[in-house]
Amino acid sequence: MLGNLQGYHVLILLAVVVVVIAIVIIVVLSVRRRSAGHRGALPDDPARRIEQLMRLRDQGLVSEEEFEAKRLEILRQM
């Protein structure tokens, strides 16, 4: 009977380890998802890219011609 009990202990211990690992994975994914949400839209989001491009143009870092060419390129990728 003690032999079987020890076997069950091993199974219970393995189950606990698997549950703990699953909880850690869920927490890590949740934190990543939240931190991604704080950064705003995804960088590949066309609207976000055009907004960034507009800021560069407004700051004089991109010419009107460069802005328009890149804006059209972004729109074509949609």
PDB file of N, CA and C in Angstrom:
ATOM      1  N   MET A   1       0.820  -1.190   0.000  1.00  0.00           N
ATOM      2  CA  MET A   1       0.000   0.000   0.000  1.00  0.00           C
ATOM      3  C   MET A   1       0.868   1.258   0.000  1.00  0.00           C
ATOM      4  N   LEU A   2       1.957   1.277   0.744  1.00  0.00           N
ATOM      5  CA  LEU A   2       2.825   2.445   0.745  1.00  0.00           C
ATOM      6  C   LEU A   2       3.485   2.641  -0.613  1.00  0.00           C
ATOM      7  N   GLY A   3       3.773   1.551  -1.317  1.00  0.00           N
ATOM      8  CA  GLY A   3       4.350   1.659  -2.657  1.00  0.00           C
ATOM      9  C   GLY A   3       3.414   2.382  -3.605  1.00  0.00           C
ATOM     10  N   ASN A   4       2.137   2.042  -3.553  1.00  0.00           N
ATOM     11  CA  ASN A   4       1.144   2.715  -4.397  1.00  0.00           C
ATOM     12  C   ASN A   4       0.979   4.173  -3.984  1.00  0.00           C
ATOM     13  N   LEU A   5       1.053   4.420  -2.690  1.00  0.00           N
ATOM     14  CA  LEU A   5       0.894   5.780  -2.187  1.00  0.00           C
ATOM     15  C   LEU A   5       2.033   6.663  -2.683  1.00  0.00           C
ATOM     16  N   GLN A   6       3.228   6.130  -2.711  1.00  0.00           N
ATOM     17  CA  GLN A   6       4.360   6.898  -3.215  1.00  0.00           C
ATOM     18  C   GLN A   6       4.194   7.181  -4.702  1.00  0.00           C
ATOM     19  N   GLY A   7       3.671   6.223  -5.439  1.00  0.00           N
ATOM     20  CA  GLY A   7       3.406   6.440  -6.862  1.00  0.00           C
ATOM     21  C   GLY A   7       2.387   7.552  -7.068  1.00  0.00           C
ATOM     22  N   TYR A   8       1.369   7.565  -6.236  1.00  0.00           N
ATOM     23  CA  TYR A   8       0.372   8.618  -6.316  1.00  0.00           C
ATOM     24  C   TYR A   8       0.964   9.974  -5.940  1.00  0.00           C
ATOM     25  N   HIS A   9       1.879   9.955  -4.991  1.00  0.00           N
ATOM     26  CA  HIS A   9       2.545  11.194  -4.625  1.00  0.00           C
ATOM     27  C   HIS A   9       3.300  11.779  -5.808  1.00  0.00           C
ATOM     28  N   VAL A  10       3.962  10.922  -6.562  1.00  0.00           N
ATOM     29  CA  VAL A  10       4.700  11.373  -7.738  1.00  0.00           C
ATOM     30  C   VAL A  10       3.735  11.965  -8.754  1.00  0.00           C
ATOM     31  N   LEU A  11       2.620  11.294  -8.978  1.00  0.00           N
ATOM     32  CA  LEU A  11       1.629  11.810  -9.928  1.00  0.00           C
ATOM     33  C   LEU A  11       1.053  13.147  -9.460  1.00  0.00           C
ATOM     34  N   ILE A  12       0.765  13.248  -8.189  1.00  0.00           N
ATOM     35  CA  ILE A  12       0.229  14.500  -7.643  1.00  0.00           C
ATOM     36  C   ILE A  12       1.265  15.610  -7.773  1.00  0.00           C
ATOM     37  N   LEU A  13       2.518  15.291  -7.465  1.00  0.00           N
ATOM     38  CA  LEU A  13       3.580  16.278  -7.588  1.00  0.00           C
ATOM     39  C   LEU A  13       3.733  16.746  -9.038  1.00  0.00           C
ATOM     40  N   LEU A  14       3.699  15.814  -9.986  1.00  0.00           N
ATOM     41  CA  LEU A  14       3.780  16.184 -11.401  1.00  0.00           C
ATOM     42  C   LEU A  14       2.596  17.055 -11.814  1.00  0.00           C
ATOM     43  N   ALA A  15       1.414  16.718 -11.330  1.00  0.00           N
ATOM     44  CA  ALA A  15       0.223  17.507 -11.657  1.00  0.00           C
ATOM     45  C   ALA A  15       0.355  18.924 -11.113  1.00  0.00           C
ATOM     46  N   VAL A  16       0.856  19.043  -9.888  1.00  0.00           N
ATOM     47  CA  VAL A  16       1.041  20.369  -9.293  1.00  0.00           C
ATOM     48  C   VAL A  16       2.059  21.168 -10.101  1.00  0.00           C
ATOM     49  N   VAL A  17       3.154  20.530 -10.510  1.00  0.00           N
ATOM     50  CA  VAL A  17       4.177  21.214 -11.300  1.00  0.00           C
ATOM     51  C   VAL A  17       3.585  21.690 -12.629  1.00  0.00           C
ATOM     52  N   VAL A  18       2.808  20.854 -13.284  1.00  0.00           N
ATOM     53  CA  VAL A  18       2.187  21.235 -14.564  1.00  0.00           C
ATOM     54  C   VAL A  18       1.232  22.411 -14.361  1.00  0.00           C
ATOM     55  N   VAL A  19       0.457  22.394 -13.296  1.00  0.00           N
ATOM     56  CA  VAL A  19      -0.479  23.488 -13.022  1.00  0.00           C
ATOM     57  C   VAL A  19       0.282  24.786 -12.753  1.00  0.00           C
ATOM     58  N   VAL A  20       1.354  24.716 -11.985  1.00  0.00           N
ATOM     59  CA  VAL A  20       2.148  25.911 -11.690  1.00  0.00           C
ATOM     60  C   VAL A  20       2.752  26.468 -12.973  1.00  0.00           C
ATOM     61  N   ILE A  21       3.294  25.607 -13.817  1.00  0.00           N
ATOM     62  CA  ILE A  21       3.870  26.065 -15.089  1.00  0.00           C
ATOM     63  C   ILE A  21       2.784  26.716 -15.948  1.00  0.00           C
ATOM     64  N   ALA A  22       1.602  26.116 -15.994  1.00  0.00           N
ATOM     65  CA  ALA A  22       0.503  26.691 -16.776  1.00  0.00           C
ATOM     66  C   ALA A  22       0.116  28.071 -16.246  1.00  0.00           C
ATOM     67  N   ILE A  23       0.073  28.212 -14.933  1.00  0.00           N
ATOM     68  CA  ILE A  23      -0.271  29.510 -14.341  1.00  0.00           C
ATOM     69  C   ILE A  23       0.787  30.550 -14.684  1.00  0.00           C
ATOM     70  N   VAL A  24       2.058  30.160 -14.617  1.00  0.00           N
ATOM     71  CA  VAL A  24       3.140  31.090 -14.957  1.00  0.00           C
ATOM     72  C   VAL A  24       3.018  31.530 -16.407  1.00  0.00           C
ATOM     73  N   ILE A  25       2.750  30.598 -17.304  1.00  0.00           N
ATOM     74  CA  ILE A  25       2.602  30.934 -18.724  1.00  0.00           C
ATOM     75  C   ILE A  25       1.432  31.886 -18.932  1.00  0.00           C
ATOM     76  N   ILE A  26       0.318  31.624 -18.285  1.00  0.00           N
ATOM     77  CA  ILE A  26      -0.860  32.496 -18.419  1.00  0.00           C
ATOM     78  C   ILE A  26      -0.553  33.900 -17.910  1.00  0.00           C
ATOM     79  N   VAL A  27       0.129  33.995 -16.782  1.00  0.00           N
ATOM     80  CA  VAL A  27       0.463  35.310 -16.230  1.00  0.00           C
ATOM     81  C   VAL A  27       1.404  36.060 -17.168  1.00  0.00           C
ATOM     82  N   VAL A  28       2.415  35.374 -17.686  1.00  0.00           N
ATOM     83  CA  VAL A  28       3.368  36.028 -18.591  1.00  0.00           C
ATOM     84  C   VAL A  28       2.655  36.523 -19.844  1.00  0.00           C
ATOM     85  N   LEU A  29       1.809  35.691 -20.429  1.00  0.00           N
ATOM     86  CA  LEU A  29       1.073  36.113 -21.626  1.00  0.00           C
ATOM     87  C   LEU A  29       0.141  37.278 -21.325  1.00  0.00           C
ATOM     88  N   SER A  30      -0.481  37.255 -20.161  1.00  0.00           N
ATOM     89  CA  SER A  30      -1.374  38.339 -19.779  1.00  0.00           C
ATOM     90  C   SER A  30      -0.611  39.656 -19.623  1.00  0.00           C
ATOM     91  N   VAL A  31       0.543  39.597 -18.986  1.00  0.00           N
ATOM     92  CA  VAL A  31       1.359  40.803 -18.807  1.00  0.00           C
ATOM     93  C   VAL A  31       1.814  41.329 -20.155  1.00  0.00           C
ATOM     94  N   ARG A  32       2.241  40.437 -21.026  1.00  0.00           N
ATOM     95  CA  ARG A  32       2.661  40.875 -22.367  1.00  0.00           C
ATOM     96  C   ARG A  32       1.523  41.536 -23.121  1.00  0.00           C
ATOM     97  N   ARG A  33       0.341  40.944 -23.027  1.00  0.00           N
ATOM     98  CA  ARG A  33      -0.814  41.498 -23.734  1.00  0.00           C
ATOM     99  C   ARG A  33      -1.159  42.883 -23.203  1.00  0.00           C
ATOM    100  N   ARG A  34      -1.100  43.043 -21.871  1.00  0.00           N
ATOM    101  CA  ARG A  34      -1.391  44.350 -21.281  1.00  0.00           C
ATOM    102  C   ARG A  34      -0.355  45.384 -21.675  1.00  0.00           C
ATOM    103  N   SER A  35       0.918  44.996 -21.650  1.00  0.00           N
ATOM    104  CA  SER A  35       1.959  45.963 -22.003  1.00  0.00           C
ATOM    105  C   SER A  35       1.871  46.320 -23.478  1.00  0.00           C
ATOM    106  N   ALA A  36       1.460  45.387 -24.320  1.00  0.00           N
ATOM    107  CA  ALA A  36       1.271  45.698 -25.739  1.00  0.00           C
ATOM    108  C   ALA A  36       0.108  46.671 -25.906  1.00  0.00           C
ATOM    109  N   GLY A  37      -0.930  46.538 -25.085  1.00  0.00           N
ATOM    110  CA  GLY A  37      -2.069  47.446 -25.138  1.00  0.00           C
ATOM    111  C   GLY A  37      -1.700  48.850 -24.727  1.00  0.00           C
ATOM    112  N   HIS A  38      -0.742  49.001 -23.832  1.00  0.00           N
ATOM    113  CA  HIS A  38      -0.316  50.328 -23.390  1.00  0.00           C
ATOM    114  C   HIS A  38       0.485  51.043 -24.461  1.00  0.00           C
ATOM    115  N   ARG A  39       1.087  50.298 -25.349  1.00  0.00           N
ATOM    116  CA  ARG A  39       1.885  50.926 -26.403  1.00  0.00           C
ATOM    117  C   ARG A  39       1.016  51.495 -27.516  1.00  0.00           C
ATOM    118  N   GLY A  40      -0.257  51.166 -27.510  1.00  0.00           N
ATOM    119  CA  GLY A  40      -1.140  51.683 -28.536  1.00  0.00           C
ATOM    120  C   GLY A  40      -1.331  50.672 -29.643  1.00  0.00           C
ATOM    121  N   ALA A  41      -1.651  51.164 -30.819  1.00  0.00           N
ATOM    122  CA  ALA A  41      -1.903  50.289 -31.953  1.00  0.00           C
ATOM    123  C   ALA A  41      -0.625  49.594 -32.391  1.00  0.00           C
ATOM    124  N   LEU A  42      -0.814  48.504 -33.069  1.00  0.00           N
ATOM    125  CA  LEU A  42       0.342  47.775 -33.586  1.00  0.00           C
ATOM    126  C   LEU A  42       1.084  48.626 -34.606  1.00  0.00           C
ATOM    127  N   PRO A  43       2.409  48.493 -34.678  1.00  0.00           N
ATOM    128  CA  PRO A  43       3.177  49.301 -35.630  1.00  0.00           C
ATOM    129  C   PRO A  43       2.762  49.067 -37.081  1.00  0.00           C
ATOM    130  N   ASP A  44       2.232  47.872 -37.390  1.00  0.00           N
ATOM    131  CA  ASP A  44       1.835  47.570 -38.754  1.00  0.00           C
ATOM    132  C   ASP A  44       0.465  48.133 -39.109  1.00  0.00           C
ATOM    133  N   ASP A  45      -0.203  48.749 -38.142  1.00  0.00           N
ATOM    134  CA  ASP A  45      -1.503  49.344 -38.378  1.00  0.00           C
ATOM    135  C   ASP A  45      -1.336  50.525 -39.336  1.00  0.00           C
ATOM    136  N   PRO A  46      -1.969  50.476 -40.516  1.00  0.00           N
ATOM    137  CA  PRO A  46      -1.786  51.546 -41.507  1.00  0.00           C
ATOM    138  C   PRO A  46      -2.124  52.936 -40.969  1.00  0.00           C
ATOM    139  N   ALA A  47      -3.187  53.051 -40.195  1.00  0.00           N
ATOM    140  CA  ALA A  47      -3.563  54.364 -39.651  1.00  0.00           C
ATOM    141  C   ALA A  47      -2.461  54.888 -38.739  1.00  0.00           C
ATOM    142  N   ARG A  48      -1.913  54.005 -37.918  1.00  0.00           N
ATOM    143  CA  ARG A  48      -0.830  54.403 -37.002  1.00  0.00           C
ATOM    144  C   ARG A  48       0.409  54.829 -37.797  1.00  0.00           C
ATOM    145  N   ARG A  49       0.730  54.094 -38.841  1.00  0.00           N
ATOM    146  CA  ARG A  49       1.906  54.432 -39.649  1.00  0.00           C
ATOM    147  C   ARG A  49       1.733  55.773 -40.349  1.00  0.00           C
ATOM    148  N   ILE A  50       0.527  56.035 -40.849  1.00  0.00           N
ATOM    149  CA  ILE A  50       0.270  57.311 -41.526  1.00  0.00           C
ATOM    150  C   ILE A  50       0.325  58.458 -40.515  1.00  0.00           C
ATOM    151  N   GLU A  51      -0.189  58.241 -39.304  1.00  0.00           N
ATOM    152  CA  GLU A  51      -0.106  59.273 -38.265  1.00  0.00           C
ATOM    153  C   GLU A  51       1.350  59.603 -37.938  1.00  0.00           C
ATOM    154  N   GLN A  52       2.179  58.557 -37.821  1.00  0.00           N
ATOM    155  CA  GLN A  52       3.604  58.783 -37.557  1.00  0.00           C
ATOM    156  C   GLN A  52       4.238  59.553 -38.711  1.00  0.00           C
ATOM    157  N   LEU A  53       3.859  59.188 -39.913  1.00  0.00           N
ATOM    158  CA  LEU A  53       4.384  59.860 -41.100  1.00  0.00           C
ATOM    159  C   LEU A  53       3.961  61.334 -41.126  1.00  0.00           C
ATOM    160  N   MET A  54       2.720  61.599 -40.733  1.00  0.00           N
ATOM    161  CA  MET A  54       2.237  62.983 -40.686  1.00  0.00           C
ATOM    162  C   MET A  54       3.037  63.805 -39.670  1.00  0.00           C
ATOM    163  N   ARG A  55       3.337  63.199 -38.518  1.00  0.00           N
ATOM    164  CA  ARG A  55       4.141  63.909 -37.523  1.00  0.00           C
ATOM    165  C   ARG A  55       5.533  64.232 -38.071  1.00  0.00           C
ATOM    166  N   LEU A  56       6.116  63.295 -38.781  1.00  0.00           N
ATOM    167  CA  LEU A  56       7.432  63.544 -39.375  1.00  0.00           C
ATOM    168  C   LEU A  56       7.359  64.688 -40.391  1.00  0.00           C
ATOM    169  N   ARG A  57       6.284  64.685 -41.179  1.00  0.00           N
ATOM    170  CA  ARG A  57       6.107  65.758 -42.165  1.00  0.00           C
ATOM    171  C   ARG A  57       5.915  67.100 -41.462  1.00  0.00           C
ATOM    172  N   ASP A  58       5.079  67.111 -40.421  1.00  0.00           N
ATOM    173  CA  ASP A  58       4.806  68.351 -39.693  1.00  0.00           C
ATOM    174  C   ASP A  58       6.056  68.895 -39.002  1.00  0.00           C
ATOM    175  N   GLN A  59       6.964  68.018 -38.627  1.00  0.00           N
ATOM    176  CA  GLN A  59       8.218  68.436 -37.997  1.00  0.00           C
ATOM    177  C   GLN A  59       9.272  68.829 -39.024  1.00  0.00           C
ATOM    178  N   GLY A  60       8.940  68.672 -40.304  1.00  0.00           N
ATOM    179  CA  GLY A  60       9.872  69.037 -41.356  1.00  0.00           C
ATOM    180  C   GLY A  60      10.938  67.981 -41.616  1.00  0.00           C
ATOM    181  N   LEU A  61      10.745  66.783 -41.085  1.00  0.00           N
ATOM    182  CA  LEU A  61      11.732  65.724 -41.282  1.00  0.00           C
ATOM    183  C   LEU A  61      11.497  64.935 -42.559  1.00  0.00           C
ATOM    184  N   VAL A  62      10.284  65.082 -43.123  1.00  0.00           N
ATOM    185  CA  VAL A  62       9.921  64.413 -44.377  1.00  0.00           C
ATOM    186  C   VAL A  62       9.281  65.461 -45.269  1.00  0.00           C
ATOM    187  N   SER A  63       9.694  65.489 -46.532  1.00  0.00           N
ATOM    188  CA  SER A  63       9.111  66.451 -47.470  1.00  0.00           C
ATOM    189  C   SER A  63       7.687  66.025 -47.831  1.00  0.00           C
ATOM    190  N   GLU A  64       6.946  66.953 -48.419  1.00  0.00           N
ATOM    191  CA  GLU A  64       5.569  66.662 -48.833  1.00  0.00           C
ATOM    192  C   GLU A  64       5.556  65.529 -49.863  1.00  0.00           C
ATOM    193  N   GLU A  65       6.533  65.523 -50.767  1.00  0.00           N
ATOM    194  CA  GLU A  65       6.615  64.491 -51.806  1.00  0.00           C
ATOM    195  C   GLU A  65       6.911  63.115 -51.177  1.00  0.00           C
ATOM    196  N   GLU A  66       7.844  63.099 -50.215  1.00  0.00           N
ATOM    197  CA  GLU A  66       8.162  61.842 -49.529  1.00  0.00           C
ATOM    198  C   GLU A  66       6.957  61.342 -48.738  1.00  0.00           C
ATOM    199  N   PHE A  67       6.267  62.281 -48.092  1.00  0.00           N
ATOM    200  CA  PHE A  67       5.077  61.928 -47.330  1.00  0.00           C
ATOM    201  C   PHE A  67       4.034  61.284 -48.223  1.00  0.00           C
ATOM    202  N   GLU A  68       3.749  61.919 -49.339  1.00  0.00           N
ATOM    203  CA  GLU A  68       2.704  61.411 -50.234  1.00  0.00           C
ATOM    204  C   GLU A  68       3.082  60.057 -50.820  1.00  0.00           C
ATOM    205  N   ALA A  69       4.348  59.887 -51.203  1.00  0.00           N
ATOM    206  CA  ALA A  69       4.797  58.614 -51.762  1.00  0.00           C
ATOM    207  C   ALA A  69       4.668  57.491 -50.726  1.00  0.00           C
ATOM    208  N   LYS A  70       5.085  57.745 -49.519  1.00  0.00           N
ATOM    209  CA  LYS A  70       5.013  56.728 -48.469  1.00  0.00           C
ATOM    210  C   LYS A  70       3.575  56.456 -48.067  1.00  0.00           C
ATOM    211  N   ARG A  71       2.752  57.496 -48.025  1.00  0.00           N
ATOM    212  CA  ARG A  71       1.332  57.322 -47.685  1.00  0.00           C
ATOM    213  C   ARG A  71       0.642  56.420 -48.705  1.00  0.00           C
ATOM    214  N   LEU A  72       0.924  56.653 -49.982  1.00  0.00           N
ATOM    215  CA  LEU A  72       0.343  55.807 -51.028  1.00  0.00           C
ATOM    216  C   LEU A  72       0.842  54.366 -50.918  1.00  0.00           C
ATOM    217  N   GLU A  73       2.101  54.219 -50.573  1.00  0.00           N
ATOM    218  CA  GLU A  73       2.669  52.882 -50.395  1.00  0.00           C
ATOM    219  C   GLU A  73       1.967  52.137 -49.262  1.00  0.00           C
ATOM    220  N   ILE A  74       1.740  52.834 -48.166  1.00  0.00           N
ATOM    221  CA  ILE A  74       1.045  52.224 -47.020  1.00  0.00           C
ATOM    222  C   ILE A  74      -0.370  51.843 -47.403  1.00  0.00           C
ATOM    223  N   LEU A  75      -1.047  52.712 -48.126  1.00  0.00           N
ATOM    224  CA  LEU A  75      -2.428  52.440 -48.525  1.00  0.00           C
ATOM    225  C   LEU A  75      -2.494  51.267 -49.492  1.00  0.00           C
ATOM    226  N   ARG A  76      -1.517  51.116 -50.372  1.00  0.00           N
ATOM    227  CA  ARG A  76      -1.491  50.000 -51.315  1.00  0.00           C
ATOM    228  C   ARG A  76      -1.314  48.663 -50.581  1.00  0.00           C
ATOM    229  N   GLN A  77      -0.654  48.673 -49.443  1.00  0.00           N
ATOM    230  CA  GLN A  77      -0.403  47.435 -48.697  1.00  0.00           C
ATOM    231  C   GLN A  77      -1.641  46.947 -47.958  1.00  0.00           C
ATOM    232  N   MET A  78      -2.662  47.760 -47.904  1.00  0.00           N
ATOM    233  CA  MET A  78      -3.892  47.366 -47.176  1.00  0.00           C
ATOM    234  C   MET A  78      -4.647  46.319 -47.948  1.00  0.00           C
TER     235      MET A  78
END
